[in-house]
Amino acid sequence: MEIINFDESKVITYSEVKKYLHETFPLRHIASLQRIEYNDIYIKYDGYQPQSFPPIYIKNTLGTCEFIEDKTGYLIRIYRQYQEGCNNLERIKTTIAHEIGHIVYSELPSDLKILWAQIDKNIIRLKSGLSTEENFVEHYLAYINYYNHSTEFPNEYSFMLNKVFSGRKYRIRESLIQEHQKNQSP
């Protein structure tokens, strides 16, 4: 896998991207990722993503995922996050995870896509207008990053845990749960 230009982001280096990919994602989720690159350009976009965890208003395109022309794998492009050029490390990581979620969805067996479509009927998604794939990707991201995903969306969490991540739970989730519990105790 090629990792290109992340030093230009000024918040994450080549080796930090490589470490993040290998420590965060199951190998099968990134096996067909041929190249991930940072582009120091700002792409204006005006859209609201209420299903995001937490809901965010996006003013630009943060990343794209596409099949490489020779069909050997995927290319993820991460773009400058702010017009003035400042980047945020967690936002870059979140964007990478979101784009990898697109790869995972595209490679899901058809029986799992059908099962996801049956689960994917929550009112939030239907009101937000997100596609089934985009909702999958947001739950993929939430599974990795947010401690309360299991309680807020138990069916989606169970699908991610058992069908997508083969029982793998994330340390970040556990540490966030402990921190949340500590903050809740008197």
Protein backbone atom coordinates (compact mmCIF):
# COMPACT_ATOMS: atom_id res chain seq x y z
CA MET A 1 0.00 0.00 0.00
CA GLU A 2 1.26 3.44 -0.92
CA ILE A 3 0.90 6.27 1.60
CA ILE A 4 1.51 9.61 -0.07
CA ASN A 5 1.92 13.29 0.95
CA PHE A 6 0.61 13.14 4.54
CA ASP A 7 3.57 15.16 5.79
CA GLU A 8 1.99 18.08 3.89
CA SER A 9 -0.99 17.95 6.27
CA LYS A 10 1.35 19.11 9.06
CA VAL A 11 -0.55 16.99 11.61
CA ILE A 12 0.18 13.37 10.65
CA THR A 13 3.19 11.74 9.04
CA TYR A 14 3.63 8.76 6.73
CA SER A 15 4.63 6.50 9.60
CA GLU A 16 1.73 7.69 11.79
CA VAL A 17 -0.77 6.94 8.99
CA LYS A 18 0.77 3.50 8.51
CA LYS A 19 0.58 2.81 12.24
CA TYR A 20 -3.03 4.06 12.45
CA LEU A 21 -4.11 1.83 9.55
CA HIS A 22 -2.46 -1.30 10.91
CA GLU A 23 -3.51 -0.81 14.53
CA THR A 24 -7.09 0.28 13.85
CA PHE A 25 -8.44 -1.79 10.98
CA PRO A 26 -8.64 -5.54 10.45
CA LEU A 27 -6.25 -6.49 7.65
CA ARG A 28 -9.12 -7.73 5.47
CA HIS A 29 -10.67 -4.22 5.61
CA ILE A 30 -7.59 -2.59 4.11
CA ALA A 31 -6.25 -5.45 1.96
CA SER A 32 -7.58 -3.92 -1.27
CA LEU A 33 -6.50 -0.38 -0.35
CA GLN A 34 -3.74 0.26 -2.88
CA ARG A 35 -3.07 3.91 -2.16
CA ILE A 36 -4.02 6.55 0.37
CA GLU A 37 -2.94 10.10 -0.28
CA TYR A 38 -3.28 13.55 1.17
CA ASN A 39 -4.06 16.40 -1.23
CA ASP A 40 -3.48 19.89 0.09
CA ILE A 41 -6.48 21.33 -1.72
CA TYR A 42 -9.79 22.50 -0.33
CA ILE A 43 -12.91 21.25 -2.11
CA LYS A 44 -16.00 23.30 -1.31
CA TYR A 45 -19.10 21.31 -0.48
CA ASP A 46 -22.22 22.42 1.29
CA GLY A 47 -23.98 19.60 3.06
CA TYR A 48 -25.36 18.58 6.42
CA GLN A 49 -24.76 15.10 7.81
CA PRO A 50 -27.20 14.70 10.71
CA GLN A 51 -26.56 10.96 11.03
CA SER A 52 -22.90 11.56 11.84
CA PHE A 53 -21.79 10.79 15.37
CA PRO A 54 -22.13 13.58 16.52
CA PRO A 55 -24.09 15.40 13.78
CA ILE A 56 -21.84 17.78 11.87
CA TYR A 57 -22.23 20.43 9.23
CA ILE A 58 -19.72 19.84 6.47
CA LYS A 59 -18.65 22.74 4.32
CA ASN A 60 -16.17 20.83 2.21
CA THR A 61 -15.33 17.38 0.90
CA LEU A 62 -12.95 15.73 3.36
CA GLY A 63 -12.16 12.58 1.43
CA THR A 64 -13.06 10.32 -1.47
CA CYS A 65 -12.76 6.62 -2.13
CA GLU A 66 -12.66 5.17 -5.62
CA PHE A 67 -11.62 2.12 -7.54
CA ILE A 68 -8.23 2.50 -9.22
CA GLU A 69 -8.56 2.46 -13.03
CA ASP A 70 -6.94 -0.94 -13.51
CA LYS A 71 -9.37 -2.40 -10.91
CA THR A 72 -6.57 -3.69 -8.67
CA GLY A 73 -7.83 -1.94 -5.58
CA TYR A 74 -8.95 1.30 -4.03
CA LEU A 75 -7.56 4.80 -3.79
CA ILE A 76 -8.48 7.04 -0.86
CA ARG A 77 -7.85 10.76 -1.15
CA ILE A 78 -7.93 12.96 1.94
CA TYR A 79 -8.27 16.71 1.35
CA ARG A 80 -7.40 19.82 3.30
CA GLN A 81 -10.14 20.28 5.87
CA TYR A 82 -10.29 24.02 6.15
CA GLN A 83 -9.95 26.71 3.52
CA GLU A 84 -7.31 28.50 5.57
CA GLY A 85 -5.25 25.31 5.64
CA CYS A 86 -5.36 24.18 9.28
CA ASN A 87 -5.92 20.46 9.72
CA ASN A 88 -7.09 18.49 12.73
CA LEU A 89 -5.54 15.09 13.45
CA GLU A 90 -8.73 13.44 14.72
CA ARG A 91 -10.72 14.74 11.77
CA ILE A 92 -8.17 13.26 9.36
CA LYS A 93 -8.33 9.90 11.14
CA THR A 94 -12.14 10.01 11.15
CA THR A 95 -12.16 10.76 7.42
CA ILE A 96 -9.78 7.85 6.74
CA ALA A 97 -12.03 5.50 8.75
CA HIS A 98 -15.11 6.78 6.91
CA GLU A 99 -13.53 6.14 3.52
CA ILE A 100 -12.36 2.65 4.57
CA GLY A 101 -15.98 2.01 5.55
CA HIS A 102 -16.90 2.52 1.90
CA ILE A 103 -14.40 -0.15 0.89
CA VAL A 104 -15.78 -2.56 3.47
CA TYR A 105 -19.36 -1.96 2.32
CA SER A 106 -18.49 -2.47 -1.34
CA GLU A 107 -16.82 -5.78 -0.48
CA LEU A 108 -19.61 -7.11 1.75
CA PRO A 109 -21.15 -10.33 0.47
CA SER A 110 -24.64 -9.80 -0.93
CA ASP A 111 -26.30 -11.74 1.90
CA LEU A 112 -24.77 -9.33 4.44
CA LYS A 113 -25.88 -6.33 2.37
CA ILE A 114 -29.42 -7.72 2.41
CA LEU A 115 -29.21 -8.27 6.18
CA TRP A 116 -27.86 -4.72 6.66
CA ALA A 117 -30.72 -3.31 4.56
CA GLN A 118 -33.19 -5.05 6.88
CA ILE A 119 -31.50 -3.52 9.95
CA ASP A 120 -31.06 -0.17 8.23
CA LYS A 121 -34.57 1.10 8.72
CA ASN A 122 -34.10 3.49 11.63
CA ILE A 123 -36.03 6.71 11.49
CA ILE A 124 -32.91 8.88 11.78
CA ARG A 125 -31.51 7.53 8.53
CA LEU A 126 -34.81 7.73 6.74
CA LYS A 127 -35.26 11.39 7.75
CA SER A 128 -31.65 12.30 7.00
CA GLY A 129 -31.78 10.97 3.45
CA LEU A 130 -28.55 8.99 3.79
CA SER A 131 -28.23 6.03 1.48
CA THR A 132 -27.98 2.54 2.92
CA GLU A 133 -24.26 2.53 2.08
CA GLU A 134 -23.61 5.92 3.68
CA ASN A 135 -25.48 4.85 6.80
CA PHE A 136 -23.39 1.66 6.94
CA VAL A 137 -20.25 3.77 6.68
CA GLU A 138 -21.38 6.09 9.49
CA HIS A 139 -22.08 3.08 11.74
CA TYR A 140 -18.71 1.57 10.77
CA LEU A 141 -17.08 4.80 11.92
CA ALA A 142 -19.20 4.94 15.07
CA TYR A 143 -18.30 1.36 15.95
CA ILE A 144 -14.62 2.27 15.94
CA ASN A 145 -14.83 5.67 17.59
CA TYR A 146 -17.84 6.15 19.87
CA TYR A 147 -18.43 4.50 23.20
CA ASN A 148 -22.22 4.86 23.20
CA HIS A 149 -22.86 3.30 19.79
CA SER A 150 -23.89 -0.01 21.40
CA THR A 151 -26.60 1.59 23.53
CA GLU A 152 -27.93 4.10 21.00
CA PHE A 153 -28.00 1.69 18.04
CA PRO A 154 -27.93 -1.87 19.43
CA ASN A 155 -28.94 -3.62 16.20
CA GLU A 156 -26.39 -1.75 14.09
CA TYR A 157 -23.72 -2.27 16.78
CA SER A 158 -24.44 -6.01 16.90
CA PHE A 159 -24.17 -6.24 13.11
CA MET A 160 -20.81 -4.44 13.15
CA LEU A 161 -19.49 -6.52 16.04
CA ASN A 162 -20.54 -9.91 14.70
CA LYS A 163 -20.67 -9.58 10.91
CA VAL A 164 -18.11 -6.89 10.06
CA PHE A 165 -15.49 -7.00 12.84
CA SER A 166 -15.80 -10.72 13.73
CA GLY A 167 -16.14 -10.00 17.44
CA ARG A 168 -13.28 -7.49 17.64
CA LYS A 169 -13.90 -4.67 20.09
CA TYR A 170 -11.86 -1.50 20.13
CA ARG A 171 -9.62 -0.32 22.94
CA ILE A 172 -10.66 3.25 22.24
CA ARG A 173 -14.25 2.28 22.89
CA GLU A 174 -13.36 0.64 26.20
CA SER A 175 -11.26 3.59 27.35
CA LEU A 176 -14.02 6.02 26.41
CA ILE A 177 -16.56 3.94 28.33
CA GLN A 178 -14.34 3.96 31.42
CA GLU A 179 -13.77 7.70 31.12
CA HIS A 180 -17.51 8.31 30.65
CA GLN A 181 -18.35 6.13 33.66
CA LYS A 182 -15.75 7.89 35.79
CA ASN A 183 -17.23 11.28 34.85
CA GLN A 184 -20.74 10.04 35.72
CA SER A 185 -19.90 8.74 39.20
CA PRO A 186 -20.56 11.12 42.16
